[in-house]
Amino acid sequence: MTDDKRLIEDYLPITDISAEASIENSVTQARGYLSKALLSVLHRWWARRPLTACRAAIYGALVPASRFAPGNGTDTQKMSLGRANAAKFVKSLCQRT
């Protein structure tokens, strides 16, 4: 049987994803004459999930963990570099455009 671990099972940079999701969640800023308190509740869905966290979770569930690992080096080097590459890519994937 092959090792078919997904990225979400192996490593997902939760702190980076959480930081981007909190930025996305606090985007409501006062504009014009409306107060900030009014804008924070205006047209806001009660159970809204941040798109950033959803995007990272779906991507991590679909992609194999071995996708970012380099082909040469020891197993610990491969795992370390694979996690660093995955973290860099997921962080860029979750950034707000």
N, C-alpha and C. Protein backbone atom coordinates (compact mmCIF):
# COMPACT_ATOMS: atom_id res chain seq x y z
N MET A 1 0.84 -1.19 0.00
CA MET A 1 0.00 0.00 0.00
C MET A 1 0.89 1.25 0.00
N THR A 2 0.57 2.21 -0.81
CA THR A 2 1.36 3.42 -0.90
C THR A 2 0.93 4.42 0.17
N ASP A 3 1.85 5.28 0.52
CA ASP A 3 1.56 6.32 1.50
C ASP A 3 0.90 7.49 0.76
N ASP A 4 -0.41 7.62 0.92
CA ASP A 4 -1.17 8.64 0.20
C ASP A 4 -1.65 9.73 1.16
N LYS A 5 -0.72 10.26 1.96
CA LYS A 5 -1.07 11.31 2.91
C LYS A 5 -1.37 12.60 2.17
N ARG A 6 -2.36 13.30 2.64
CA ARG A 6 -2.71 14.60 2.07
C ARG A 6 -2.02 15.71 2.84
N LEU A 7 -1.94 16.86 2.23
CA LEU A 7 -1.25 18.00 2.84
C LEU A 7 -1.89 18.41 4.16
N ILE A 8 -3.21 18.31 4.26
CA ILE A 8 -3.90 18.70 5.48
C ILE A 8 -3.56 17.74 6.63
N GLU A 9 -3.22 16.49 6.31
CA GLU A 9 -2.84 15.51 7.33
C GLU A 9 -1.39 15.68 7.77
N ASP A 10 -0.55 16.12 6.87
CA ASP A 10 0.88 16.23 7.16
C ASP A 10 1.23 17.58 7.78
N TYR A 11 0.96 18.65 7.05
CA TYR A 11 1.34 19.97 7.55
C TYR A 11 0.54 21.05 6.83
N LEU A 12 -0.07 21.93 7.59
CA LEU A 12 -0.77 23.08 7.06
C LEU A 12 -0.43 24.26 7.96
N PRO A 13 0.07 25.37 7.41
CA PRO A 13 0.50 26.50 8.25
C PRO A 13 -0.69 27.25 8.86
N ILE A 14 -1.18 26.74 9.96
CA ILE A 14 -2.39 27.26 10.60
C ILE A 14 -2.22 28.71 11.05
N THR A 15 -1.05 29.08 11.55
CA THR A 15 -0.87 30.46 12.03
C THR A 15 -0.97 31.46 10.89
N ASP A 16 -0.40 31.14 9.74
CA ASP A 16 -0.49 32.04 8.58
C ASP A 16 -1.92 32.12 8.06
N ILE A 17 -2.59 30.98 8.01
CA ILE A 17 -3.97 30.95 7.55
C ILE A 17 -4.87 31.74 8.50
N SER A 18 -4.64 31.58 9.78
CA SER A 18 -5.43 32.28 10.78
C SER A 18 -5.22 33.79 10.70
N ALA A 19 -3.98 34.21 10.48
CA ALA A 19 -3.69 35.64 10.35
C ALA A 19 -4.40 36.24 9.15
N GLU A 20 -4.36 35.55 8.02
CA GLU A 20 -5.05 36.04 6.82
C GLU A 20 -6.57 36.02 7.00
N ALA A 21 -7.10 35.00 7.68
CA ALA A 21 -8.54 34.92 7.90
C ALA A 21 -9.01 36.04 8.83
N SER A 22 -8.20 36.40 9.81
CA SER A 22 -8.60 37.48 10.71
C SER A 22 -8.58 38.82 9.99
N ILE A 23 -7.66 38.98 9.05
CA ILE A 23 -7.65 40.20 8.24
C ILE A 23 -8.90 40.26 7.38
N GLU A 24 -9.25 39.12 6.79
CA GLU A 24 -10.45 39.07 5.96
C GLU A 24 -11.71 39.34 6.77
N ASN A 25 -11.72 38.87 8.00
CA ASN A 25 -12.89 39.02 8.85
C ASN A 25 -13.06 40.46 9.34
N SER A 26 -11.97 41.21 9.44
CA SER A 26 -12.05 42.58 9.96
C SER A 26 -11.97 43.61 8.85
N VAL A 27 -12.37 43.26 7.65
CA VAL A 27 -12.29 44.17 6.52
C VAL A 27 -13.33 45.28 6.60
N THR A 28 -14.38 45.04 7.32
CA THR A 28 -15.44 46.06 7.40
C THR A 28 -14.91 47.30 8.09
N GLN A 29 -14.73 48.34 7.33
CA GLN A 29 -14.23 49.60 7.88
C GLN A 29 -15.25 50.70 7.60
N ALA A 30 -15.21 51.71 8.43
CA ALA A 30 -16.16 52.80 8.29
C ALA A 30 -15.89 53.58 7.01
N ARG A 31 -16.94 53.83 6.28
CA ARG A 31 -16.84 54.63 5.05
C ARG A 31 -17.91 55.72 5.12
N GLY A 32 -17.48 56.91 4.84
CA GLY A 32 -18.43 58.02 4.80
C GLY A 32 -19.04 58.32 6.15
N TYR A 33 -20.35 58.43 6.20
CA TYR A 33 -21.04 58.82 7.42
C TYR A 33 -21.47 57.64 8.27
N LEU A 34 -21.38 56.41 7.75
CA LEU A 34 -21.79 55.25 8.54
C LEU A 34 -20.76 54.93 9.61
N SER A 35 -21.23 54.58 10.76
CA SER A 35 -20.30 54.26 11.84
C SER A 35 -19.74 52.86 11.66
N LYS A 36 -18.62 52.59 12.26
CA LYS A 36 -17.98 51.29 12.18
C LYS A 36 -18.85 50.20 12.81
N ALA A 37 -19.54 50.52 13.88
CA ALA A 37 -20.39 49.54 14.54
C ALA A 37 -21.55 49.13 13.64
N LEU A 38 -22.10 50.07 12.89
CA LEU A 38 -23.20 49.75 11.99
C LEU A 38 -22.72 48.89 10.83
N LEU A 39 -21.58 49.20 10.28
CA LEU A 39 -21.05 48.43 9.15
C LEU A 39 -20.66 47.02 9.54
N SER A 40 -20.29 46.80 10.79
CA SER A 40 -19.87 45.46 11.19
C SER A 40 -21.05 44.49 11.25
N VAL A 41 -22.28 44.99 11.37
CA VAL A 41 -23.43 44.10 11.43
C VAL A 41 -24.31 44.20 10.18
N LEU A 42 -24.07 45.14 9.33
CA LEU A 42 -24.87 45.35 8.14
C LEU A 42 -24.53 44.32 7.07
N HIS A 43 -25.50 43.59 6.60
CA HIS A 43 -25.33 42.58 5.55
C HIS A 43 -24.27 41.54 5.90
N ARG A 44 -24.30 41.07 7.10
CA ARG A 44 -23.34 40.07 7.53
C ARG A 44 -24.08 38.78 7.83
N TRP A 45 -23.65 37.71 7.22
CA TRP A 45 -24.28 36.42 7.43
C TRP A 45 -23.90 35.90 8.81
N TRP A 46 -24.82 35.29 9.52
CA TRP A 46 -24.58 34.87 10.89
C TRP A 46 -23.50 33.80 10.99
N ALA A 47 -23.49 32.86 10.10
CA ALA A 47 -22.52 31.77 10.18
C ALA A 47 -21.50 31.87 9.06
N ARG A 48 -21.02 33.04 8.80
CA ARG A 48 -20.08 33.25 7.71
C ARG A 48 -18.74 32.59 8.02
N ARG A 49 -18.22 31.87 7.05
CA ARG A 49 -16.91 31.24 7.17
C ARG A 49 -15.93 32.01 6.30
N PRO A 50 -14.77 32.34 6.83
CA PRO A 50 -13.79 33.07 6.02
C PRO A 50 -13.37 32.26 4.79
N LEU A 51 -13.37 32.90 3.65
CA LEU A 51 -12.99 32.25 2.41
C LEU A 51 -11.55 31.76 2.45
N THR A 52 -10.69 32.47 3.15
CA THR A 52 -9.29 32.10 3.25
C THR A 52 -9.11 30.73 3.88
N ALA A 53 -9.75 30.50 4.99
CA ALA A 53 -9.62 29.22 5.68
C ALA A 53 -10.25 28.08 4.86
N CYS A 54 -11.36 28.37 4.22
CA CYS A 54 -11.99 27.35 3.37
C CYS A 54 -11.12 26.99 2.19
N ARG A 55 -10.52 27.97 1.57
CA ARG A 55 -9.62 27.73 0.43
C ARG A 55 -8.43 26.87 0.84
N ALA A 56 -7.84 27.15 1.98
CA ALA A 56 -6.68 26.39 2.45
C ALA A 56 -7.07 24.96 2.83
N ALA A 57 -8.23 24.79 3.46
CA ALA A 57 -8.66 23.45 3.86
C ALA A 57 -8.98 22.58 2.65
N ILE A 58 -9.64 23.14 1.66
CA ILE A 58 -9.98 22.37 0.46
C ILE A 58 -8.71 22.01 -0.30
N TYR A 59 -7.80 22.96 -0.46
CA TYR A 59 -6.56 22.67 -1.16
C TYR A 59 -5.74 21.61 -0.42
N GLY A 60 -5.66 21.73 0.89
CA GLY A 60 -4.91 20.76 1.69
C GLY A 60 -5.51 19.37 1.66
N ALA A 61 -6.83 19.28 1.51
CA ALA A 61 -7.48 17.97 1.45
C ALA A 61 -7.30 17.30 0.09
N LEU A 62 -7.10 18.08 -0.95
CA LEU A 62 -7.02 17.52 -2.31
C LEU A 62 -5.59 17.18 -2.75
N VAL A 63 -4.61 17.92 -2.26
CA VAL A 63 -3.24 17.77 -2.75
C VAL A 63 -2.45 16.80 -1.88
N PRO A 64 -1.68 15.88 -2.50
CA PRO A 64 -0.83 14.98 -1.71
C PRO A 64 0.31 15.75 -1.03
N ALA A 65 0.71 15.28 0.13
CA ALA A 65 1.78 15.95 0.87
C ALA A 65 3.11 15.84 0.16
N SER A 66 3.29 14.81 -0.64
CA SER A 66 4.56 14.60 -1.32
C SER A 66 4.74 15.51 -2.53
N ARG A 67 3.75 16.31 -2.86
CA ARG A 67 3.84 17.18 -4.04
C ARG A 67 4.93 18.23 -3.90
N PHE A 68 5.18 18.71 -2.72
CA PHE A 68 6.14 19.79 -2.50
C PHE A 68 7.52 19.30 -2.09
N ALA A 69 7.68 18.01 -1.88
CA ALA A 69 8.97 17.46 -1.44
C ALA A 69 9.94 17.38 -2.63
N PRO A 70 11.20 17.77 -2.42
CA PRO A 70 12.19 17.66 -3.49
C PRO A 70 12.56 16.19 -3.74
N GLY A 71 13.20 15.94 -4.86
CA GLY A 71 13.53 14.57 -5.23
C GLY A 71 14.80 14.02 -4.60
N ASN A 72 15.70 14.88 -4.16
CA ASN A 72 16.97 14.39 -3.62
C ASN A 72 17.14 14.81 -2.16
N GLY A 73 18.05 14.13 -1.47
CA GLY A 73 18.32 14.42 -0.07
C GLY A 73 17.82 13.32 0.84
N THR A 74 18.11 13.46 2.12
CA THR A 74 17.65 12.47 3.09
C THR A 74 16.15 12.67 3.36
N ASP A 75 15.57 11.70 4.04
CA ASP A 75 14.13 11.78 4.31
C ASP A 75 13.77 12.99 5.18
N THR A 76 14.60 13.29 6.16
CA THR A 76 14.31 14.45 7.02
C THR A 76 14.45 15.76 6.25
N GLN A 77 15.44 15.83 5.35
CA GLN A 77 15.60 17.03 4.52
C GLN A 77 14.42 17.18 3.56
N LYS A 78 14.00 16.07 2.97
CA LYS A 78 12.86 16.12 2.06
C LYS A 78 11.60 16.60 2.79
N MET A 79 11.37 16.06 4.00
CA MET A 79 10.19 16.43 4.75
C MET A 79 10.25 17.91 5.16
N SER A 80 11.42 18.36 5.60
CA SER A 80 11.57 19.75 6.03
C SER A 80 11.39 20.72 4.86
N LEU A 81 12.05 20.43 3.74
CA LEU A 81 11.92 21.30 2.57
C LEU A 81 10.51 21.23 1.98
N GLY A 82 9.90 20.06 2.00
CA GLY A 82 8.53 19.92 1.51
C GLY A 82 7.55 20.74 2.32
N ARG A 83 7.73 20.74 3.63
CA ARG A 83 6.85 21.53 4.50
C ARG A 83 7.08 23.02 4.29
N ALA A 84 8.33 23.42 4.12
CA ALA A 84 8.63 24.84 3.89
C ALA A 84 8.03 25.30 2.56
N ASN A 85 8.16 24.49 1.52
CA ASN A 85 7.59 24.83 0.22
C ASN A 85 6.07 24.89 0.28
N ALA A 86 5.47 23.93 0.98
CA ALA A 86 4.02 23.92 1.12
C ALA A 86 3.53 25.14 1.89
N ALA A 87 4.24 25.50 2.95
CA ALA A 87 3.84 26.67 3.74
C ALA A 87 3.91 27.94 2.91
N LYS A 88 4.95 28.07 2.10
CA LYS A 88 5.11 29.25 1.25
C LYS A 88 3.97 29.33 0.23
N PHE A 89 3.65 28.18 -0.37
CA PHE A 89 2.59 28.18 -1.39
C PHE A 89 1.22 28.43 -0.78
N VAL A 90 0.91 27.80 0.34
CA VAL A 90 -0.40 27.98 0.97
C VAL A 90 -0.55 29.42 1.46
N LYS A 91 0.52 30.01 1.95
CA LYS A 91 0.45 31.40 2.39
C LYS A 91 0.15 32.33 1.22
N SER A 92 0.78 32.08 0.07
CA SER A 92 0.48 32.90 -1.11
C SER A 92 -0.91 32.62 -1.66
N LEU A 93 -1.40 31.40 -1.50
CA LEU A 93 -2.74 31.04 -1.95
C LEU A 93 -3.80 31.75 -1.12
N CYS A 94 -3.54 31.95 0.15
CA CYS A 94 -4.53 32.53 1.07
C CYS A 94 -4.50 34.04 1.15
N GLN A 95 -3.53 34.68 0.53
CA GLN A 95 -3.47 36.12 0.63
C GLN A 95 -4.64 36.78 -0.09
N ARG A 96 -5.12 37.82 0.49
CA ARG A 96 -6.24 38.56 -0.08
C ARG A 96 -5.79 39.35 -1.29
N THR A 97 -6.57 39.29 -2.33
CA THR A 97 -6.21 40.04 -3.54
C THR A 97 -7.02 41.30 -3.65
